[in-house]
Amino acid sequence: MFTTDSRTEKFLDLVGAKWVYLNDISYSHLCPQWALQNLGRSQARVEKAVEEYRTLMDRGSAAPAPILWKNESGQLEVLDGSQRIAAAEARKPVMFSAYVVQTDSEPMARRIRVFANYRLQGGYQESAEWTLERAITLLVATSQMSIEECAEFGGWSISQVRDKAQVVDFRLAIQGVGGPERLPDSIVRLIAKQASKEDFSSAPTSIGRFTNAIQRMRLSAEEAEPYIDQFFSVARSRGKLFDQFEEKWSDFCEEDGVQARLADPSRSRYQPMTAEGRVLKSLRSALTTTQRVLDSGESIYDMAEYFQVVNQIRTALQQIERLSRRR
């Protein structure tokens, strides 16, 4: 039914876990919820995988032994092999074989649970992207694994893990203010680029409404970018953020085409904003923010850097103008 597997042994050695191979495991030793909980997959039971393993077993082909871990209560949790165990259950075995990890470290067990299926290249794998997000959510975000360790375990670059960690961090912040649960990564990256974590605690209602609107409008990243840039263009060190974001929300609602798209997001593709529109929208947003600081009478010291940016914008606009004339 189950047999030893060199890949499993190498993986456990790589993780640094001590283990034993036992032949006297029974289903009564397993945690009662073993079939319902599976941190290593997006769904606990994959029927096609169970059926495939069951067919192979009926033909006399033994599957690799699962990986188990005895938790603090003395019950065995399944770290890898839930589908194989489910397939074998129909044969009503008295005992079966398994690799049993010997550790009192729950973080160690969780690492194995998250990475085992991905690293062992079993059937019906989750995608690398799903595994990466899972690892960040369960391990990196809870300080049980560093970004560098996660990259090494999964075979990803450090920059790739760091980027995904930022996406997960801001996605949780968006959910925390009542925003959508699943904005596309590309849009979350745009928000992370423009927003500050302080924004979410200062103006949760406005940001929640705005992110929900972005999702309802079904905007692509290209379409959403100018709206995101303008919405999060606030003077964070000047004035109340709550009031600024309330104004930004009102401005967004008054934008041309926003209400129409909110009312009917299923219409055929809208025309993406032109280059002229994107530049003008950004410049108007900068002007609005600057005018608000002026009207409030607030002071900004050491203006040299600001004038340098203005001069850079002027130079870039002049270059665009010359190129446009040639065309």
Protein backbone atom coordinates (compact mmCIF):
# COMPACT_ATOMS: atom_id res chain seq x y z
CA MET A 1 0.00 0.00 0.00
CA PHE A 2 2.72 2.48 1.05
CA THR A 3 6.45 2.21 0.53
CA THR A 4 9.65 4.08 1.34
CA ASP A 5 10.61 6.93 -0.94
CA SER A 6 14.06 8.46 -1.32
CA ARG A 7 12.64 11.85 -2.35
CA THR A 8 10.69 12.11 0.89
CA GLU A 9 13.75 11.18 2.94
CA LYS A 10 15.94 13.73 1.15
CA PHE A 11 13.30 16.41 1.65
CA LEU A 12 13.03 15.74 5.39
CA ASP A 13 16.80 15.75 5.70
CA LEU A 14 16.95 19.06 3.83
CA VAL A 15 14.39 20.57 6.20
CA GLY A 16 16.53 19.36 9.08
CA ALA A 17 13.85 17.19 10.64
CA LYS A 18 14.49 13.95 12.50
CA TRP A 19 12.21 11.15 11.44
CA VAL A 20 11.49 7.44 11.79
CA TYR A 21 9.78 5.04 9.41
CA LEU A 22 7.03 3.10 11.18
CA ASN A 23 4.88 0.23 9.94
CA ASP A 24 2.25 0.13 12.69
CA ILE A 25 0.24 3.32 12.14
CA SER A 26 -3.55 2.99 12.37
CA TYR A 27 -6.26 5.45 11.40
CA SER A 28 -7.23 5.78 15.06
CA HIS A 29 -3.85 7.41 15.69
CA LEU A 30 -4.63 10.25 13.29
CA CYS A 31 -6.16 13.57 14.32
CA PRO A 32 -9.97 13.46 13.98
CA GLN A 33 -9.86 16.34 11.47
CA TRP A 34 -7.07 14.94 9.28
CA ALA A 35 -9.35 14.65 6.23
CA LEU A 36 -10.74 18.17 6.60
CA GLN A 37 -7.57 20.19 7.24
CA ASN A 38 -4.80 20.55 4.69
CA LEU A 39 -2.56 23.62 4.90
CA GLY A 40 -0.61 22.44 1.87
CA ARG A 41 -3.53 22.63 -0.55
CA SER A 42 -6.26 25.05 -1.55
CA GLN A 43 -8.79 22.27 -0.85
CA ALA A 44 -8.36 19.48 1.67
CA ARG A 45 -9.48 16.64 -0.62
CA VAL A 46 -8.81 16.34 -4.34
CA GLU A 47 -11.16 13.66 -5.64
CA LYS A 48 -9.25 13.01 -8.85
CA ALA A 49 -6.03 12.45 -6.91
CA VAL A 50 -7.77 10.08 -4.49
CA GLU A 51 -9.28 8.08 -7.35
CA GLU A 52 -5.95 7.87 -9.16
CA TYR A 53 -4.13 6.58 -6.09
CA ARG A 54 -6.95 4.11 -5.42
CA THR A 55 -6.68 2.73 -8.96
CA LEU A 56 -2.90 2.34 -8.66
CA MET A 57 -3.30 0.53 -5.33
CA ASP A 58 -5.89 -1.82 -6.84
CA ARG A 59 -3.34 -2.66 -9.52
CA GLY A 60 -0.74 -3.50 -6.91
CA SER A 61 1.32 -0.32 -7.15
CA ALA A 62 2.43 1.01 -3.75
CA ALA A 63 2.33 4.77 -3.18
CA PRO A 64 5.03 6.73 -1.31
CA ALA A 65 4.44 6.66 2.42
CA PRO A 66 2.86 9.79 3.92
CA ILE A 67 4.58 12.13 6.35
CA LEU A 68 3.05 12.43 9.82
CA TRP A 69 3.84 14.41 12.98
CA LYS A 70 2.88 13.65 16.57
CA ASN A 71 1.56 16.90 18.05
CA GLU A 72 1.42 17.98 21.70
CA SER A 73 -1.78 16.02 22.29
CA GLY A 74 -0.13 12.83 21.08
CA GLN A 75 -2.20 12.60 17.89
CA LEU A 76 -0.68 12.27 14.45
CA GLU A 77 -1.19 15.16 12.03
CA VAL A 78 -0.80 14.58 8.32
CA LEU A 79 1.99 16.77 6.89
CA ASP A 80 1.95 15.20 3.44
CA GLY A 81 -0.07 12.44 1.80
CA SER A 82 -3.70 13.20 2.68
CA GLN A 83 -4.92 12.03 -0.73
CA ARG A 84 -2.96 8.75 -0.45
CA ILE A 85 -4.29 8.09 3.04
CA ALA A 86 -7.84 8.81 1.84
CA ALA A 87 -7.37 6.42 -1.09
CA ALA A 88 -6.05 3.65 1.17
CA GLU A 89 -8.85 4.09 3.72
CA ALA A 90 -11.34 2.35 1.44
CA ARG A 91 -9.22 -0.81 1.67
CA LYS A 92 -9.77 -0.76 5.46
CA PRO A 93 -6.18 -1.51 6.46
CA VAL A 94 -5.47 -2.38 10.09
CA MET A 95 -2.08 -0.66 9.91
CA PHE A 96 -0.05 1.29 7.37
CA SER A 97 3.48 2.64 7.03
CA ALA A 98 4.50 6.30 7.33
CA TYR A 99 7.37 8.66 7.95
CA VAL A 100 6.87 10.18 11.40
CA VAL A 101 8.66 13.46 12.06
CA GLN A 102 10.14 13.73 15.53
CA THR A 103 10.08 17.34 16.66
CA ASP A 104 8.46 19.48 19.35
CA SER A 105 8.57 22.48 17.00
CA GLU A 106 5.23 23.38 15.49
CA PRO A 107 6.89 25.85 13.06
CA MET A 108 9.02 22.97 11.75
CA ALA A 109 5.92 20.84 11.19
CA ARG A 110 4.18 23.75 9.48
CA ARG A 111 7.12 24.23 7.10
CA ILE A 112 6.89 20.62 6.04
CA ARG A 113 3.12 20.89 5.62
CA VAL A 114 3.33 23.98 3.41
CA PHE A 115 6.25 22.90 1.21
CA ALA A 116 6.02 19.09 1.02
CA ASN A 117 3.67 18.71 -1.94
CA TYR A 118 5.41 21.44 -3.91
CA ARG A 119 8.93 20.18 -3.25
CA LEU A 120 8.14 16.47 -3.67
CA GLN A 121 6.42 17.12 -7.00
CA GLY A 122 3.48 14.89 -6.27
CA GLY A 123 0.42 14.62 -8.46
CA TYR A 124 -2.11 17.44 -8.71
CA GLN A 125 0.28 20.04 -7.35
CA GLU A 126 -0.70 23.53 -6.41
CA SER A 127 0.97 26.23 -8.47
CA ALA A 128 4.26 27.76 -7.37
CA GLU A 129 2.46 31.10 -6.99
CA TRP A 130 -0.12 29.58 -4.63
CA THR A 131 2.56 27.85 -2.56
CA LEU A 132 4.56 31.07 -2.32
CA GLU A 133 1.60 33.04 -1.02
CA ARG A 134 0.74 30.25 1.40
CA ALA A 135 4.29 30.19 2.74
CA ILE A 136 4.32 33.94 3.21
CA THR A 137 0.92 34.00 4.92
CA LEU A 138 1.56 31.11 7.30
CA LEU A 139 5.31 31.31 7.82
CA VAL A 140 6.89 34.63 6.83
CA ALA A 141 4.09 36.89 8.09
CA THR A 142 4.07 35.03 11.43
CA SER A 143 7.88 35.33 11.78
CA GLN A 144 8.35 31.55 11.59
CA MET A 145 10.50 31.89 8.49
CA SER A 146 12.58 34.69 7.01
CA ILE A 147 12.21 35.92 3.45
CA GLU A 148 15.66 34.49 2.67
CA GLU A 149 14.73 31.05 4.07
CA CYS A 150 11.47 31.04 2.13
CA ALA A 151 13.33 31.83 -1.08
CA GLU A 152 15.79 29.00 -0.47
CA PHE A 153 13.09 26.46 0.41
CA GLY A 154 10.94 27.25 -2.59
CA GLY A 155 13.64 27.94 -5.14
CA TRP A 156 12.47 31.52 -5.65
CA SER A 157 14.56 34.66 -5.81
CA ILE A 158 14.67 36.85 -2.70
CA SER A 159 13.21 39.76 -4.68
CA GLN A 160 10.31 37.57 -5.80
CA VAL A 161 9.51 36.56 -2.23
CA ARG A 162 9.89 40.12 -0.96
CA ASP A 163 7.53 41.39 -3.68
CA LYS A 164 4.93 38.75 -2.85
CA ALA A 165 5.28 39.45 0.87
CA GLN A 166 4.44 43.10 0.23
CA VAL A 167 1.42 42.08 -1.86
CA VAL A 168 0.16 39.79 0.91
CA ASP A 169 0.76 42.49 3.53
CA PHE A 170 -1.25 45.11 1.63
CA ARG A 171 -3.95 42.61 0.65
CA LEU A 172 -4.51 41.90 4.34
CA ALA A 173 -4.60 45.65 5.02
CA ILE A 174 -7.21 46.10 2.27
CA GLN A 175 -9.32 43.28 3.70
CA GLY A 176 -8.94 44.80 7.17
CA VAL A 177 -10.73 48.00 6.10
CA GLY A 178 -13.59 46.14 4.46
CA GLY A 179 -12.09 46.03 0.98
CA PRO A 180 -12.33 43.06 -1.38
CA GLU A 181 -10.72 39.78 -0.40
CA ARG A 182 -9.08 39.15 -3.73
CA LEU A 183 -7.82 42.08 -5.76
CA PRO A 184 -5.36 41.04 -8.50
CA ASP A 185 -1.72 41.18 -7.46
CA SER A 186 -1.01 43.74 -10.17
CA ILE A 187 -3.50 46.19 -8.65
CA VAL A 188 -2.38 45.50 -5.08
CA ARG A 189 1.19 46.30 -6.19
CA LEU A 190 0.01 49.68 -7.49
CA ILE A 191 -1.68 50.41 -4.16
CA ALA A 192 1.42 49.32 -2.22
CA LYS A 193 3.52 51.65 -4.35
CA GLN A 194 1.39 54.70 -3.56
CA ALA A 195 -0.13 53.98 -0.14
CA SER A 196 1.26 54.04 3.38
CA LYS A 197 0.21 51.52 6.03
CA GLU A 198 -0.83 54.50 8.17
CA ASP A 199 -3.45 55.36 5.55
CA PHE A 200 -5.47 52.25 6.39
CA SER A 201 -5.81 53.11 10.07
CA SER A 202 -6.42 56.81 9.40
CA ALA A 203 -9.07 56.46 6.69
CA PRO A 204 -10.39 52.87 6.65
CA THR A 205 -13.86 53.73 5.37
CA SER A 206 -12.71 55.75 2.36
CA ILE A 207 -10.06 53.20 1.36
CA GLY A 208 -12.52 50.34 1.79
CA ARG A 209 -15.05 52.04 -0.49
CA PHE A 210 -12.41 52.93 -3.04
CA THR A 211 -10.90 49.44 -3.30
CA ASN A 212 -14.35 47.87 -3.53
CA ALA A 213 -15.19 50.27 -6.35
CA ILE A 214 -11.99 49.36 -8.20
CA GLN A 215 -12.97 45.71 -8.01
CA ARG A 216 -16.60 46.31 -9.06
CA MET A 217 -15.44 48.32 -12.06
CA ARG A 218 -13.30 45.36 -13.20
CA LEU A 219 -10.42 47.63 -14.08
CA SER A 220 -7.20 46.32 -15.52
CA ALA A 221 -3.99 47.43 -13.82
CA GLU A 222 -3.39 49.93 -16.64
CA GLU A 223 -6.88 51.39 -16.22
CA ALA A 224 -6.69 51.46 -12.43
CA GLU A 225 -3.26 53.08 -12.15
CA PRO A 226 -4.24 56.75 -12.65
CA TYR A 227 -7.18 56.41 -10.24
CA ILE A 228 -4.93 54.81 -7.61
CA ASP A 229 -2.22 57.43 -8.11
CA GLN A 230 -4.68 60.25 -7.65
CA PHE A 231 -6.57 58.70 -4.72
CA PHE A 232 -3.46 58.06 -2.64
CA SER A 233 -1.82 61.37 -3.55
CA VAL A 234 -2.31 63.03 -0.16
CA ALA A 235 -0.14 65.25 2.02
CA ARG A 236 0.52 62.72 4.78
CA SER A 237 2.47 65.11 6.97
CA ARG A 238 0.00 67.94 6.51
CA GLY A 239 -3.53 67.85 7.84
CA LYS A 240 -5.92 65.06 8.79
CA LEU A 241 -5.65 62.02 6.53
CA PHE A 242 -9.28 61.11 7.17
CA ASP A 243 -10.52 64.40 5.69
CA GLN A 244 -8.09 64.22 2.77
CA PHE A 245 -9.19 60.72 1.81
CA GLU A 246 -12.86 61.66 2.14
CA GLU A 247 -12.20 64.41 -0.41
CA LYS A 248 -10.32 61.96 -2.61
CA TRP A 249 -13.29 59.58 -2.49
CA SER A 250 -15.65 62.40 -3.50
CA ASP A 251 -13.32 63.42 -6.33
CA PHE A 252 -13.13 59.82 -7.54
CA CYS A 253 -16.91 59.47 -7.61
CA GLU A 254 -17.15 62.62 -9.74
CA GLU A 255 -14.61 61.39 -12.31
CA ASP A 256 -15.89 61.03 -15.86
CA GLY A 257 -17.09 57.49 -16.50
CA VAL A 258 -16.75 56.18 -12.93
CA GLN A 259 -20.46 56.05 -12.11
CA ALA A 260 -21.28 54.58 -15.51
CA ARG A 261 -18.77 51.80 -15.07
CA LEU A 262 -19.86 51.11 -11.51
CA ALA A 263 -23.44 50.83 -12.75
CA ASP A 264 -22.54 48.55 -15.66
CA PRO A 265 -19.11 46.90 -15.29
CA SER A 266 -20.11 44.09 -17.69
CA ARG A 267 -20.10 46.38 -20.71
CA SER A 268 -17.59 45.75 -23.48
CA ARG A 269 -14.08 46.93 -22.77
CA TYR A 270 -13.77 50.61 -22.09
CA GLN A 271 -11.06 52.58 -23.84
CA PRO A 272 -7.94 52.69 -21.65
CA MET A 273 -6.91 56.18 -20.60
CA THR A 274 -4.71 57.87 -23.19
CA ALA A 275 -1.19 59.09 -22.51
CA GLU A 276 -2.50 62.65 -22.49
CA GLY A 277 -5.15 61.71 -19.93
CA ARG A 278 -2.72 59.89 -17.64
CA VAL A 279 -0.21 62.74 -17.55
CA LEU A 280 -2.85 65.44 -17.15
CA LYS A 281 -4.60 63.53 -14.36
CA SER A 282 -1.33 63.13 -12.43
CA LEU A 283 -0.41 66.79 -12.87
CA ARG A 284 -3.84 67.97 -11.78
CA SER A 285 -3.60 65.72 -8.72
CA ALA A 286 -0.23 67.25 -7.81
CA LEU A 287 -1.65 70.75 -8.31
CA THR A 288 -4.68 69.96 -6.13
CA THR A 289 -2.52 68.65 -3.29
CA THR A 290 -0.17 71.65 -3.52
CA GLN A 291 -3.06 74.11 -3.56
CA ARG A 292 -4.55 72.51 -0.44
CA VAL A 293 -1.29 72.95 1.45
CA LEU A 294 -1.16 76.59 0.31
CA ASP A 295 -4.78 77.25 1.30
CA SER A 296 -4.24 75.73 4.74
CA GLY A 297 -1.30 78.04 5.38
CA GLU A 298 1.01 75.14 6.21
CA SER A 299 4.76 75.50 5.81
CA ILE A 300 7.16 73.29 3.89
CA TYR A 301 10.84 73.93 4.44
CA ASP A 302 13.76 73.19 2.13
CA MET A 303 11.87 73.56 -1.15
CA ALA A 304 14.89 72.93 -3.38
CA GLU A 305 13.99 69.27 -3.92
CA TYR A 306 10.44 70.18 -4.91
CA PHE A 307 11.59 72.68 -7.53
CA GLN A 308 14.04 70.08 -8.82
CA VAL A 309 11.13 67.67 -9.43
CA VAL A 310 9.16 70.44 -11.14
CA ASN A 311 12.10 71.18 -13.44
CA GLN A 312 12.45 67.45 -14.25
CA ILE A 313 8.78 67.31 -15.17
CA ARG A 314 9.12 70.41 -17.34
CA THR A 315 12.13 68.89 -19.14
CA ALA A 316 10.31 65.59 -19.75
CA LEU A 317 7.22 67.41 -21.06
CA GLN A 318 9.36 69.44 -23.46
CA GLN A 319 10.98 66.24 -24.76
CA ILE A 320 7.54 64.67 -25.26
CA GLU A 321 6.45 67.80 -27.11
CA ARG A 322 9.43 67.68 -29.49
CA LEU A 323 8.97 63.95 -30.18
CA SER A 324 5.26 64.43 -30.80
CA ARG A 325 5.91 67.17 -33.37
CA ARG A 326 8.29 64.92 -35.30
CA ARG A 327 5.62 62.22 -35.57
